Amino acid sequence: MDGDIVFYIHGDTIEYGGELFSTGELTADILNLSLKDYQCIHKNVQCMKDLAEQYERTQDREFWWKLNHQFVALRKRMMEFRVFQILLRDDSKFFDETQQYTEFRSLLPEEDLDYEDFSIEQWGDMAEQAETTGQIPVPLLIIPGGRKTKWSYYRKQMKRYERYLGDVACFNPTIHNFIHFLLAKLEHNSPENYAASLYQLYNDERLVEKLIVNPRSLEQPFYQKYDHCVVSYVPRELPDKRFAICQEHTTDSLQMLLKADYMTALNAGHNIRQCVVCKKYFLVKGGAHALYCEGACPHAPQYTCRQFGTYEVQKELARDVPKLQAKLAAFERIRQDQKRDVITAEEARRLKDTVRDMLFNALNKADVSNADFERSISSERLYPYCGVTRKAKPRGRPRKGGGDA
């Protein structure tokens, strides 16, 4: 619980907490910590600060006991996200011991024994007793020492959690803006275009002012272009039993971990997009302009968002949007060709994916007319563009077998 974060990067994977992830997975997950979620967490933190001030003013351990319950609730909220499940997973013992210690308030005098003057031998005896009996003496709870030492350590852990949340508070909205105002407007998704967009975000003064979100309080972390981190190259056995020379990163900044995860993902050609149905962020390992995730649809849980969006939402919208009507007509032609076995299932999938990408571009460009879009996805243009050739089918009645008439 000293605050160090150690992770390893190899290719397009990141190892953190003994688990292997595709780069971008951790970022996509934490980006789903919504403003509403953060407001609830912020209220939780403010309540903790008020209780801490009351304890420091009165030295009444009942306030510390209430504070610990609020702290446990905060951790529970944070543990809904993958990066915190790893980062905070060893903290439960700390909270359990704090509860034990604060519940002794009715048994112990307000001034504890002077544990600061205990000798090394006394600490050793108590630690041995705890290991033998399984019962931890009061002086060893939370951290060895008197009440001032324990409280100082507890406050340090509060600051650690606040620092993590501060990193998320500036990282999330900045990356949300980067995705919506820069990446979403790219005509072609590629690592080079991602890098060019990030360069623009970092160096265009107007974008820096408008898109990089920083808290007004000087006490909160800011979104940094450069982060302090110790990097080493180490040979390592990965969790999947492969061996690789990895970049080992050691930092105390959650912001550094998230940026390393996200920037490495962009370099690998991965992208993060927001599902138009459930509004959650998801990872795309490729250049497709994906609109839907594969998660359960909130409107119809029996379907994925992709299924719901493709068939239900677009059918409703197609009543008023000619380009969507043209897209559905193109899909029907492709289905009929597949049904007649003049194209394969893989070719049909490739054709449909291309139509989806063309639709995305057409809907986001004011200069693409309905007629132009309909011509671009006609069979005469679409099939050659995708390198698909219909198989010739014999016409008329087949000849009868047999000898001469």
Protein backbone atom coordinates (compact mmCIF):
# COMPACT_ATOMS: atom_id res chain seq x y z
CA MET A 1 0.00 0.00 0.00
CA ASP A 2 2.94 2.34 -0.59
CA GLY A 3 1.39 3.67 -3.79
CA ASP A 4 3.83 2.23 -6.35
CA ILE A 5 2.28 0.98 -9.60
CA VAL A 6 4.33 -1.53 -11.60
CA PHE A 7 3.27 -2.75 -15.03
CA TYR A 8 4.88 -4.33 -18.10
CA ILE A 9 4.37 -3.60 -21.80
CA HIS A 10 5.20 -6.01 -24.60
CA GLY A 11 3.94 -5.40 -28.15
CA ASP A 12 0.21 -4.68 -27.96
CA THR A 13 -0.25 -6.25 -24.51
CA ILE A 14 0.10 -4.89 -21.00
CA GLU A 15 0.68 -7.00 -17.89
CA TYR A 16 -0.63 -5.49 -14.69
CA GLY A 17 -1.21 -7.18 -11.36
CA GLY A 18 -0.25 -10.58 -12.77
CA GLU A 19 -2.90 -10.35 -15.55
CA LEU A 20 -2.41 -9.83 -19.28
CA PHE A 21 -4.59 -7.36 -21.21
CA SER A 22 -4.76 -6.07 -24.76
CA THR A 23 -3.60 -2.47 -24.64
CA GLY A 24 -6.62 -0.20 -24.45
CA GLU A 25 -8.78 -2.60 -22.41
CA LEU A 26 -8.11 -0.90 -19.07
CA THR A 27 -8.62 2.55 -20.59
CA ALA A 28 -11.89 1.64 -22.31
CA ASP A 29 -13.21 0.31 -19.00
CA ILE A 30 -12.26 3.32 -16.85
CA LEU A 31 -13.66 5.73 -19.48
CA ASN A 32 -17.07 4.33 -18.55
CA LEU A 33 -16.81 5.97 -15.13
CA SER A 34 -19.49 8.52 -15.92
CA LEU A 35 -19.95 12.05 -14.60
CA LYS A 36 -22.86 10.77 -12.49
CA ASP A 37 -20.63 8.05 -11.00
CA TYR A 38 -17.92 10.58 -10.26
CA GLN A 39 -20.36 12.97 -8.57
CA CYS A 40 -21.44 10.17 -6.20
CA ILE A 41 -17.79 9.35 -5.50
CA HIS A 42 -17.01 13.03 -4.90
CA LYS A 43 -19.80 13.25 -2.30
CA ASN A 44 -18.35 10.15 -0.64
CA VAL A 45 -14.89 11.76 -0.50
CA GLN A 46 -16.28 15.04 0.91
CA CYS A 47 -18.10 13.14 3.66
CA MET A 48 -14.82 11.38 4.51
CA LYS A 49 -12.99 14.69 4.73
CA ASP A 50 -15.62 16.12 7.08
CA LEU A 51 -15.40 13.08 9.36
CA ALA A 52 -11.58 13.26 9.33
CA GLU A 53 -11.72 16.89 10.42
CA GLN A 54 -14.16 16.05 13.21
CA TYR A 55 -11.92 13.26 14.45
CA GLU A 56 -8.81 15.47 14.41
CA ARG A 57 -10.71 18.17 16.29
CA THR A 58 -12.25 15.91 18.95
CA GLN A 59 -10.03 12.78 18.94
CA ASP A 60 -13.29 10.82 19.34
CA ARG A 61 -12.70 7.42 17.72
CA GLU A 62 -16.39 7.13 16.83
CA PHE A 63 -15.76 9.63 14.01
CA TRP A 64 -12.84 7.47 12.80
CA TRP A 65 -15.12 4.43 12.89
CA LYS A 66 -17.74 6.24 10.76
CA LEU A 67 -15.01 7.47 8.44
CA ASN A 68 -13.80 3.91 7.88
CA HIS A 69 -17.31 2.82 6.84
CA GLN A 70 -17.37 5.66 4.29
CA PHE A 71 -13.90 4.64 3.08
CA VAL A 72 -15.08 1.02 2.59
CA ALA A 73 -18.07 2.31 0.59
CA LEU A 74 -15.74 4.40 -1.58
CA ARG A 75 -13.53 1.42 -2.32
CA LYS A 76 -16.60 -0.65 -3.24
CA ARG A 77 -17.64 1.97 -5.81
CA MET A 78 -14.15 2.16 -7.27
CA MET A 79 -13.81 -1.64 -7.45
CA GLU A 80 -16.49 -1.71 -10.17
CA PHE A 81 -13.69 -0.83 -12.63
CA ARG A 82 -10.97 -3.25 -13.70
CA VAL A 83 -7.96 -1.06 -12.99
CA PHE A 84 -9.13 -0.45 -9.42
CA GLN A 85 -9.93 -4.14 -8.89
CA ILE A 86 -6.20 -4.74 -9.28
CA LEU A 87 -4.90 -1.53 -7.74
CA LEU A 88 -6.97 -1.79 -4.52
CA ARG A 89 -7.39 -5.55 -4.13
CA ASP A 90 -4.92 -5.88 -1.21
CA ASP A 91 -6.53 -3.10 0.86
CA SER A 92 -9.32 -5.12 2.50
CA LYS A 93 -7.08 -6.19 5.41
CA PHE A 94 -6.27 -2.53 6.11
CA PHE A 95 -9.97 -1.65 6.41
CA ASP A 96 -10.76 -4.71 8.54
CA GLU A 97 -8.00 -3.87 10.99
CA THR A 98 -9.13 -0.24 11.16
CA GLN A 99 -12.63 -1.39 12.06
CA GLN A 100 -11.23 -3.60 14.81
CA TYR A 101 -9.09 -0.78 16.14
CA THR A 102 -11.84 1.86 16.16
CA GLU A 103 -14.30 -0.56 17.78
CA PHE A 104 -11.97 -0.76 20.79
CA ARG A 105 -12.95 2.82 21.60
CA SER A 106 -15.18 1.66 24.50
CA LEU A 107 -12.46 -0.59 25.95
CA LEU A 108 -9.35 1.57 25.70
CA PRO A 109 -8.61 4.87 27.42
CA GLU A 110 -8.59 7.92 25.18
CA GLU A 111 -4.80 8.01 25.43
CA ASP A 112 -3.30 4.70 24.25
CA LEU A 113 -0.20 3.18 25.74
CA ASP A 114 2.91 4.88 24.48
CA TYR A 115 3.54 2.38 21.71
CA GLU A 116 6.10 4.70 20.13
CA ASP A 117 8.56 3.75 22.91
CA PHE A 118 8.23 -0.03 22.38
CA SER A 119 11.52 -1.78 21.73
CA ILE A 120 12.26 -3.87 18.65
CA GLU A 121 12.04 -6.97 20.86
CA GLN A 122 8.55 -6.02 22.03
CA TRP A 123 7.35 -5.50 18.47
CA GLY A 124 8.88 -8.85 17.53
CA ASP A 125 7.13 -10.62 20.43
CA MET A 126 3.76 -9.17 19.48
CA ALA A 127 4.20 -10.10 15.82
CA GLU A 128 5.11 -13.66 16.80
CA GLN A 129 2.07 -13.82 19.10
CA ALA A 130 -0.20 -12.63 16.29
CA GLU A 131 1.20 -15.28 13.93
CA THR A 132 0.80 -18.04 16.54
CA THR A 133 -2.67 -17.20 17.88
CA GLY A 134 -4.17 -15.56 14.79
CA GLN A 135 -5.25 -12.63 16.98
CA ILE A 136 -3.63 -9.30 16.27
CA PRO A 137 -2.77 -7.21 19.36
CA VAL A 138 -4.11 -3.66 19.28
CA PRO A 139 -0.61 -2.12 18.81
CA LEU A 140 -0.17 -4.06 15.54
CA LEU A 141 -3.53 -3.16 14.03
CA ILE A 142 -3.35 -0.96 10.89
CA ILE A 143 0.37 -0.33 11.43
CA PRO A 144 2.63 -0.79 14.49
CA GLY A 145 2.66 2.30 16.68
CA GLY A 146 0.48 4.58 18.75
CA ARG A 147 -2.71 6.29 17.73
CA LYS A 148 -0.92 9.24 16.10
CA THR A 149 1.18 6.90 13.97
CA LYS A 150 -1.86 4.86 12.94
CA TRP A 151 -3.87 7.96 12.09
CA SER A 152 -0.99 9.44 10.08
CA TYR A 153 -0.78 6.21 8.06
CA TYR A 154 -4.57 6.16 7.58
CA ARG A 155 -4.56 9.74 6.28
CA LYS A 156 -1.78 8.78 3.88
CA GLN A 157 -4.02 6.08 2.40
CA MET A 158 -6.87 8.58 2.05
CA LYS A 159 -4.54 10.86 0.10
CA ARG A 160 -3.55 7.92 -2.11
CA TYR A 161 -7.18 7.25 -3.05
CA GLU A 162 -7.80 10.96 -3.64
CA ARG A 163 -4.75 11.07 -5.93
CA TYR A 164 -6.05 8.13 -7.99
CA LEU A 165 -9.47 9.76 -8.34
CA GLY A 166 -7.87 13.08 -9.26
CA ASP A 167 -5.95 11.35 -12.05
CA VAL A 168 -9.20 9.88 -13.40
CA ALA A 169 -10.96 13.27 -13.06
CA CYS A 170 -8.54 14.90 -15.51
CA PHE A 171 -7.79 11.85 -17.72
CA ASN A 172 -11.35 10.76 -18.53
CA PRO A 173 -12.88 14.02 -19.83
CA THR A 174 -9.70 14.84 -21.77
CA ILE A 175 -9.73 11.48 -23.56
CA HIS A 176 -13.52 11.73 -24.05
CA ASN A 177 -12.91 15.03 -25.89
CA PHE A 178 -10.00 13.58 -27.86
CA ILE A 179 -12.16 10.67 -29.06
CA HIS A 180 -15.25 12.74 -29.93
CA PHE A 181 -13.67 15.85 -31.45
CA LEU A 182 -10.57 14.43 -33.15
CA LEU A 183 -10.52 10.65 -33.60
CA ALA A 184 -14.22 10.38 -34.53
CA LYS A 185 -13.68 12.81 -37.41
CA LEU A 186 -10.86 10.83 -39.07
CA GLU A 187 -11.65 9.54 -42.55
CA HIS A 188 -9.15 6.69 -42.17
CA ASN A 189 -8.24 5.04 -38.90
CA SER A 190 -4.54 4.23 -38.63
CA PRO A 191 -1.73 4.53 -36.04
CA GLU A 192 -0.21 7.44 -38.00
CA ASN A 193 -3.50 9.37 -38.06
CA TYR A 194 -4.01 8.68 -34.34
CA ALA A 195 -0.53 10.06 -33.62
CA ALA A 196 -1.16 13.13 -35.78
CA SER A 197 -4.40 13.81 -33.89
CA LEU A 198 -2.65 13.49 -30.53
CA TYR A 199 0.11 15.83 -31.74
CA GLN A 200 -2.59 18.34 -32.67
CA LEU A 201 -4.23 17.99 -29.23
CA TYR A 202 -0.94 18.59 -27.43
CA ASN A 203 0.37 21.44 -29.60
CA ASP A 204 -2.60 23.44 -30.88
CA GLU A 205 -3.10 26.13 -28.21
CA ARG A 206 -6.82 26.41 -28.97
CA LEU A 207 -7.34 22.67 -28.53
CA VAL A 208 -5.22 22.60 -25.38
CA GLU A 209 -7.47 25.23 -23.84
CA LYS A 210 -10.76 23.68 -24.98
CA LEU A 211 -10.19 19.90 -24.90
CA ILE A 212 -7.69 19.23 -22.11
CA VAL A 213 -9.79 19.31 -18.94
CA ASN A 214 -8.05 20.27 -15.72
CA PRO A 215 -9.56 20.94 -12.28
CA ARG A 216 -9.59 24.46 -10.97
CA SER A 217 -8.18 23.45 -7.59
CA LEU A 218 -4.38 23.41 -7.42
CA GLU A 219 -4.63 20.48 -5.01
CA GLN A 220 -5.96 18.17 -7.75
CA PRO A 221 -3.73 16.43 -10.34
CA PHE A 222 -3.55 17.98 -13.79
CA TYR A 223 -3.51 16.21 -17.15
CA GLN A 224 0.20 16.03 -17.90
CA LYS A 225 1.88 15.73 -21.29
CA TYR A 226 4.90 14.18 -19.58
CA ASP A 227 4.85 11.82 -16.60
CA HIS A 228 7.48 10.73 -14.12
CA CYS A 229 8.18 7.04 -14.53
CA VAL A 230 11.13 4.65 -14.15
CA VAL A 231 11.46 2.39 -17.22
CA SER A 232 13.61 -0.74 -17.47
CA TYR A 233 13.86 -3.56 -20.01
CA VAL A 234 13.56 -6.96 -18.37
CA PRO A 235 13.20 -10.55 -19.65
CA ARG A 236 10.01 -11.92 -18.18
CA GLU A 237 7.68 -14.91 -18.21
CA LEU A 238 4.23 -13.63 -19.09
CA PRO A 239 1.04 -14.93 -17.43
CA ASP A 240 0.33 -17.01 -20.57
CA LYS A 241 3.71 -18.81 -20.07
CA ARG A 242 5.44 -17.07 -23.00
CA PHE A 243 8.76 -15.30 -22.50
CA ALA A 244 9.42 -11.77 -23.71
CA ILE A 245 11.65 -8.76 -23.10
CA CYS A 246 9.24 -6.26 -21.59
CA GLN A 247 9.29 -2.62 -20.67
CA GLU A 248 8.91 -2.48 -16.89
CA HIS A 249 7.31 0.76 -15.69
CA THR A 250 7.32 1.90 -12.06
CA THR A 251 5.30 4.96 -11.09
CA ASP A 252 2.98 6.29 -8.39
CA SER A 253 0.64 7.85 -10.98
CA LEU A 254 -2.51 6.12 -12.18
CA GLN A 255 -2.60 8.72 -14.96
CA MET A 256 0.74 7.35 -16.20
CA LEU A 257 -0.58 3.77 -16.28
CA LEU A 258 -3.71 4.80 -18.22
CA LYS A 259 -1.79 6.90 -20.73
CA ALA A 260 0.78 4.14 -21.31
CA ASP A 261 -2.09 1.71 -21.90
CA TYR A 262 -3.98 4.04 -24.25
CA MET A 263 -1.04 5.44 -26.24
CA THR A 264 0.39 1.96 -26.80
CA ALA A 265 -3.04 0.87 -28.01
CA LEU A 266 -3.14 3.73 -30.54
CA ASN A 267 0.34 2.81 -31.78
CA ALA A 268 -0.88 -0.76 -32.28
CA GLY A 269 -3.83 0.43 -34.38
CA HIS A 270 -6.41 -0.13 -31.64
CA ASN A 271 -9.12 2.45 -31.13
CA ILE A 272 -11.72 3.23 -28.46
CA ARG A 273 -15.19 4.27 -29.51
CA GLN A 274 -18.49 5.01 -27.78
CA CYS A 275 -21.42 2.72 -28.56
CA VAL A 276 -24.33 4.72 -29.99
CA VAL A 277 -26.86 2.45 -28.26
CA CYS A 278 -25.63 1.93 -24.67
CA LYS A 279 -23.19 4.93 -24.69
CA LYS A 280 -20.40 2.81 -23.21
CA TYR A 281 -16.82 2.95 -24.49
CA PHE A 282 -15.35 -0.17 -26.07
CA LEU A 283 -12.10 -1.30 -27.70
CA VAL A 284 -11.83 -1.77 -31.47
CA LYS A 285 -8.81 -3.72 -32.72
CA GLY A 286 -8.75 -2.39 -36.25
CA GLY A 287 -9.61 0.52 -38.48
CA ALA A 288 -13.37 -0.01 -38.71
CA HIS A 289 -15.65 2.89 -37.81
CA ALA A 290 -17.55 0.63 -35.40
CA LEU A 291 -20.74 2.13 -34.02
CA TYR A 292 -21.90 -0.62 -31.65
CA CYS A 293 -20.33 -2.75 -28.94
CA GLU A 294 -20.97 -6.45 -28.33
CA GLY A 295 -22.43 -5.92 -24.85
CA ALA A 296 -26.03 -6.61 -23.84
CA CYS A 297 -28.40 -3.98 -25.19
CA PRO A 298 -30.03 -1.97 -22.34
CA HIS A 299 -33.26 -1.68 -24.37
CA ALA A 300 -33.49 -5.38 -25.31
CA PRO A 301 -31.11 -7.57 -23.24
CA GLN A 302 -31.70 -10.59 -25.50
CA TYR A 303 -29.74 -8.74 -28.21
CA THR A 304 -26.26 -7.25 -28.31
CA CYS A 305 -25.97 -3.54 -29.04
CA ARG A 306 -24.61 -4.42 -32.48
CA GLN A 307 -27.64 -6.60 -33.27
CA PHE A 308 -30.08 -4.06 -31.88
CA GLY A 309 -28.43 -1.11 -33.57
CA THR A 310 -28.06 -2.76 -36.95
CA TYR A 311 -31.56 -4.15 -37.26
CA GLU A 312 -33.88 -2.28 -34.89
CA VAL A 313 -32.57 1.26 -34.60
CA GLN A 314 -31.63 1.62 -38.24
CA LYS A 315 -34.96 0.26 -39.45
CA GLU A 316 -36.72 2.95 -37.42
CA LEU A 317 -34.39 5.68 -38.61
CA ALA A 318 -34.53 4.50 -42.22
CA ARG A 319 -38.08 5.77 -42.49
CA ASP A 320 -36.75 9.30 -42.57
CA VAL A 321 -33.11 8.88 -43.70
CA PRO A 322 -32.69 7.93 -47.38
CA LYS A 323 -29.07 6.88 -46.90
CA LEU A 324 -30.13 4.27 -44.36
CA GLN A 325 -32.80 3.05 -46.75
CA ALA A 326 -30.10 2.63 -49.40
CA LYS A 327 -27.91 0.75 -46.90
CA LEU A 328 -30.72 -1.69 -46.04
CA ALA A 329 -31.41 -2.24 -49.73
CA ALA A 330 -27.73 -3.01 -50.33
CA PHE A 331 -27.78 -5.50 -47.43
CA GLU A 332 -30.80 -7.24 -48.97
CA ARG A 333 -29.02 -7.59 -52.35
CA ILE A 334 -25.99 -9.07 -50.59
CA ARG A 335 -28.18 -11.53 -48.66
CA GLN A 336 -29.89 -12.66 -51.85
CA ASP A 337 -26.54 -13.22 -53.59
CA GLN A 338 -25.32 -15.27 -50.63
CA LYS A 339 -28.57 -17.24 -50.61
CA ARG A 340 -28.08 -18.07 -54.32
CA ASP A 341 -24.46 -19.15 -53.54
CA VAL A 342 -22.94 -16.67 -55.95
CA ILE A 343 -20.87 -15.18 -53.10
CA THR A 344 -19.48 -16.79 -49.93
CA ALA A 345 -20.41 -15.95 -46.35
CA GLU A 346 -16.99 -14.34 -45.84
CA GLU A 347 -17.45 -12.20 -48.96
CA ALA A 348 -20.92 -11.15 -47.75
CA ARG A 349 -19.47 -10.12 -44.39
CA ARG A 350 -16.74 -8.07 -46.11
CA LEU A 351 -19.28 -6.35 -48.35
CA LYS A 352 -21.56 -5.48 -45.41
CA ASP A 353 -18.65 -4.10 -43.36
CA THR A 354 -17.67 -1.88 -46.28
CA VAL A 355 -21.25 -0.59 -46.65
CA ARG A 356 -21.30 0.25 -42.90
CA ASP A 357 -18.04 2.21 -43.22
CA MET A 358 -19.32 4.05 -46.29
CA LEU A 359 -22.55 4.89 -44.46
CA PHE A 360 -20.59 6.28 -41.50
CA ASN A 361 -18.58 8.54 -43.82
CA ALA A 362 -21.67 9.61 -45.79
CA LEU A 363 -23.60 10.55 -42.64
CA ASN A 364 -20.68 12.65 -41.37
CA LYS A 365 -20.01 14.51 -44.62
CA ALA A 366 -22.43 17.18 -45.72
CA ASP A 367 -21.18 17.10 -49.35
CA VAL A 368 -22.20 13.43 -49.97
CA SER A 369 -25.66 13.43 -51.53
CA ASN A 370 -28.15 10.61 -51.20
CA ALA A 371 -27.75 9.77 -54.91
CA ASP A 372 -23.95 9.70 -54.66
CA PHE A 373 -24.08 7.35 -51.69
CA GLU A 374 -26.60 5.05 -53.36
CA ARG A 375 -24.36 4.81 -56.45
CA SER A 376 -21.27 4.12 -54.31
CA ILE A 377 -22.88 1.03 -52.74
CA SER A 378 -24.50 -0.28 -55.92
CA SER A 379 -23.48 -3.82 -56.80
CA GLU A 380 -21.64 -2.59 -59.91
CA ARG A 381 -19.30 -0.42 -57.79
CA LEU A 382 -19.29 -2.17 -54.41
CA TYR A 383 -18.29 -5.67 -55.55
CA PRO A 384 -15.20 -4.63 -57.57
CA TYR A 385 -14.19 -2.22 -54.79
CA CYS A 386 -14.16 -5.13 -52.31
CA GLY A 387 -12.53 -7.54 -54.76
CA VAL A 388 -15.62 -9.77 -54.86
CA THR A 389 -16.72 -11.52 -58.07
CA ARG A 390 -20.04 -13.29 -58.37
CA LYS A 391 -19.76 -16.95 -59.35
CA ALA A 392 -21.38 -17.67 -62.69
CA LYS A 393 -24.50 -19.82 -62.36
CA PRO A 394 -25.67 -22.03 -65.31
CA ARG A 395 -28.83 -20.78 -66.95
CA GLY A 396 -31.78 -22.83 -68.25
CA ARG A 397 -32.65 -26.50 -67.77
CA PRO A 398 -29.68 -28.86 -67.32
CA ARG A 399 -29.10 -31.47 -70.01
CA LYS A 400 -30.45 -34.99 -69.49
CA GLY A 401 -27.88 -37.72 -69.14
CA GLY A 402 -27.94 -40.84 -71.33
CA GLY A 403 -26.98 -42.15 -74.78
CA ASP A 404 -28.02 -41.16 -78.28
CA ALA A 405 -31.63 -40.34 -79.00
